[in-house]
Amino acid sequence: MASAHLEAAAGSGSRRSAATVHGGGPAALSQTLMALLAGASLGEHENPGDATVQVLVGRVRLEWEGGSVEAEAGQLVPIPPARHSLAAITDSAVLLSVTRGSR
């Protein structure tokens, strides 16, 4: 799936592609596969609940007021309970896992 979404991102004006792979609706756990080409980002946004990003391919940078972290394939990063952004340093695919209603 990561490869397919990286290909889809290459054909997208936003240089991104995403799909929910688990959950949604009333489910407590939601997981979304996101692909971002190098230099693409998800602008600053609110944290929707307890969340992590697992890097499947590439390298990304997670930033929030007062901090940042870079992660590469195989790493799991907790998302802080604050506004944050995510940027691809290299072509990347990540799995975002969110537990809704936990905040």
C-alpha atoms as a PDB file:
ATOM      1  CA  MET A   1       0.000   0.000   0.000  1.00  0.00           C
ATOM      2  CA  ALA A   2       2.805   2.425   0.796  1.00  0.00           C
ATOM      3  CA  SER A   3       4.227   2.082  -2.726  1.00  0.00           C
ATOM      4  CA  ALA A   4       0.811   2.576  -4.322  1.00  0.00           C
ATOM      5  CA  HIS A   5       0.201   5.739  -2.291  1.00  0.00           C
ATOM      6  CA  LEU A   6       3.647   7.128  -3.077  1.00  0.00           C
ATOM      7  CA  GLU A   7       2.793   6.660  -6.770  1.00  0.00           C
ATOM      8  CA  ALA A   8      -0.573   8.369  -6.228  1.00  0.00           C
ATOM      9  CA  ALA A   9       1.178  11.249  -4.425  1.00  0.00           C
ATOM     10  CA  ALA A  10       3.476  11.695  -7.432  1.00  0.00           C
ATOM     11  CA  GLY A  11       0.393  12.309  -9.570  1.00  0.00           C
ATOM     12  CA  SER A  12      -1.263  14.679  -7.104  1.00  0.00           C
ATOM     13  CA  GLY A  13      -0.932  18.455  -7.051  1.00  0.00           C
ATOM     14  CA  SER A  14      -0.628  18.324  -3.243  1.00  0.00           C
ATOM     15  CA  ARG A  15       2.191  15.730  -3.496  1.00  0.00           C
ATOM     16  CA  ARG A  16       0.273  13.674  -0.912  1.00  0.00           C
ATOM     17  CA  SER A  17      -2.023  10.652  -0.810  1.00  0.00           C
ATOM     18  CA  ALA A  18      -3.913   9.060   2.090  1.00  0.00           C
ATOM     19  CA  ALA A  19      -6.451   6.368   2.904  1.00  0.00           C
ATOM     20  CA  THR A  20      -8.080   5.111   6.087  1.00  0.00           C
ATOM     21  CA  VAL A  21      -6.987   1.499   6.565  1.00  0.00           C
ATOM     22  CA  HIS A  22      -8.812   0.827   9.842  1.00  0.00           C
ATOM     23  CA  GLY A  23     -11.595   2.448  11.785  1.00  0.00           C
ATOM     24  CA  GLY A  24     -13.378   5.651  11.011  1.00  0.00           C
ATOM     25  CA  GLY A  25     -16.946   6.439  11.944  1.00  0.00           C
ATOM     26  CA  PRO A  26     -17.687   5.509  15.570  1.00  0.00           C
ATOM     27  CA  ALA A  27     -14.545   3.327  15.971  1.00  0.00           C
ATOM     28  CA  ALA A  28     -12.273   4.341  18.838  1.00  0.00           C
ATOM     29  CA  LEU A  29      -9.122   3.519  16.838  1.00  0.00           C
ATOM     30  CA  SER A  30      -8.502   5.034  13.435  1.00  0.00           C
ATOM     31  CA  GLN A  31      -5.463   4.276  11.289  1.00  0.00           C
ATOM     32  CA  THR A  32      -4.563   6.185   8.149  1.00  0.00           C
ATOM     33  CA  LEU A  33      -1.795   5.473   5.671  1.00  0.00           C
ATOM     34  CA  MET A  34      -0.333   8.713   4.347  1.00  0.00           C
ATOM     35  CA  ALA A  35       2.271   9.179   1.637  1.00  0.00           C
ATOM     36  CA  LEU A  36       4.114  12.473   1.196  1.00  0.00           C
ATOM     37  CA  LEU A  37       6.738  13.254  -1.402  1.00  0.00           C
ATOM     38  CA  ALA A  38       9.947  14.961  -0.264  1.00  0.00           C
ATOM     39  CA  GLY A  39       9.149  18.551   0.712  1.00  0.00           C
ATOM     40  CA  ALA A  40       5.392  17.951   1.059  1.00  0.00           C
ATOM     41  CA  SER A  41       3.784  18.592   4.424  1.00  0.00           C
ATOM     42  CA  LEU A  42       0.654  18.574   6.498  1.00  0.00           C
ATOM     43  CA  GLY A  43       0.372  22.094   7.832  1.00  0.00           C
ATOM     44  CA  GLU A  44      -0.110  22.874  11.491  1.00  0.00           C
ATOM     45  CA  HIS A  45      -3.246  21.246  12.891  1.00  0.00           C
ATOM     46  CA  GLU A  46      -4.786  20.140  16.189  1.00  0.00           C
ATOM     47  CA  ASN A  47      -4.085  16.780  17.775  1.00  0.00           C
ATOM     48  CA  PRO A  48      -7.348  14.774  17.562  1.00  0.00           C
ATOM     49  CA  GLY A  49      -6.505  12.458  20.499  1.00  0.00           C
ATOM     50  CA  ASP A  50      -3.805  10.055  21.628  1.00  0.00           C
ATOM     51  CA  ALA A  51      -1.849   9.526  18.428  1.00  0.00           C
ATOM     52  CA  THR A  52       1.318   8.053  16.988  1.00  0.00           C
ATOM     53  CA  VAL A  53       3.047   8.133  13.620  1.00  0.00           C
ATOM     54  CA  GLN A  54       4.919   5.029  12.493  1.00  0.00           C
ATOM     55  CA  VAL A  55       7.298   5.720   9.622  1.00  0.00           C
ATOM     56  CA  LEU A  56       7.022   2.934   7.045  1.00  0.00           C
ATOM     57  CA  VAL A  57       9.225   4.434   4.312  1.00  0.00           C
ATOM     58  CA  GLY A  58      11.489   7.465   4.249  1.00  0.00           C
ATOM     59  CA  ARG A  59      12.177  10.197   6.785  1.00  0.00           C
ATOM     60  CA  VAL A  60       9.803  12.795   8.290  1.00  0.00           C
ATOM     61  CA  ARG A  61       9.921  15.739  10.688  1.00  0.00           C
ATOM     62  CA  LEU A  62       7.199  16.308  13.286  1.00  0.00           C
ATOM     63  CA  GLU A  63       7.150  19.863  14.696  1.00  0.00           C
ATOM     64  CA  TRP A  64       5.180  21.559  17.467  1.00  0.00           C
ATOM     65  CA  GLU A  65       5.657  24.706  19.510  1.00  0.00           C
ATOM     66  CA  GLY A  66       8.773  24.139  21.562  1.00  0.00           C
ATOM     67  CA  GLY A  67       9.916  20.943  19.916  1.00  0.00           C
ATOM     68  CA  SER A  68      10.512  18.729  16.922  1.00  0.00           C
ATOM     69  CA  VAL A  69      11.668  15.238  16.081  1.00  0.00           C
ATOM     70  CA  GLU A  70      12.893  13.512  12.942  1.00  0.00           C
ATOM     71  CA  ALA A  71      12.045   9.858  12.403  1.00  0.00           C
ATOM     72  CA  GLU A  72      12.907   7.295   9.761  1.00  0.00           C
ATOM     73  CA  ALA A  73      11.538   3.977   8.565  1.00  0.00           C
ATOM     74  CA  GLY A  74      10.843   1.645  11.475  1.00  0.00           C
ATOM     75  CA  GLN A  75      10.438   4.353  14.103  1.00  0.00           C
ATOM     76  CA  LEU A  76       7.240   5.064  16.048  1.00  0.00           C
ATOM     77  CA  VAL A  77       6.728   8.617  17.315  1.00  0.00           C
ATOM     78  CA  PRO A  78       4.067   9.746  19.795  1.00  0.00           C
ATOM     79  CA  ILE A  79       2.355  12.941  18.677  1.00  0.00           C
ATOM     80  CA  PRO A  80       2.339  15.583  21.423  1.00  0.00           C
ATOM     81  CA  PRO A  81      -0.998  16.926  22.691  1.00  0.00           C
ATOM     82  CA  ALA A  82      -0.469  20.219  20.866  1.00  0.00           C
ATOM     83  CA  ARG A  83      -0.828  21.802  17.450  1.00  0.00           C
ATOM     84  CA  HIS A  84       1.736  20.212  15.169  1.00  0.00           C
ATOM     85  CA  SER A  85       2.834  19.715  11.569  1.00  0.00           C
ATOM     86  CA  LEU A  86       4.422  16.853   9.646  1.00  0.00           C
ATOM     87  CA  ALA A  87       6.845  17.258   6.740  1.00  0.00           C
ATOM     88  CA  ALA A  88       8.516  14.683   4.505  1.00  0.00           C
ATOM     89  CA  ILE A  89      12.287  15.032   4.346  1.00  0.00           C
ATOM     90  CA  THR A  90      12.431  12.242   1.746  1.00  0.00           C
ATOM     91  CA  ASP A  91       9.596  10.483  -0.088  1.00  0.00           C
ATOM     92  CA  SER A  92       7.786   8.945   2.879  1.00  0.00           C
ATOM     93  CA  ALA A  93       4.854   6.803   3.937  1.00  0.00           C
ATOM     94  CA  VAL A  94       3.548   6.811   7.510  1.00  0.00           C
ATOM     95  CA  LEU A  95       0.814   5.086   9.462  1.00  0.00           C
ATOM     96  CA  LEU A  96      -1.102   7.526  11.669  1.00  0.00           C
ATOM     97  CA  SER A  97      -2.910   5.835  14.560  1.00  0.00           C
ATOM     98  CA  VAL A  98      -5.405   7.878  16.593  1.00  0.00           C
ATOM     99  CA  THR A  99      -7.513   6.887  19.585  1.00  0.00           C
ATOM    100  CA  ARG A 100     -10.512   9.195  19.479  1.00  0.00           C
ATOM    101  CA  GLY A 101     -12.227  10.478  22.597  1.00  0.00           C
ATOM    102  CA  SER A 102      -9.091  10.034  24.680  1.00  0.00           C
ATOM    103  CA  ARG A 103      -8.526  13.750  25.353  1.00  0.00           C
END
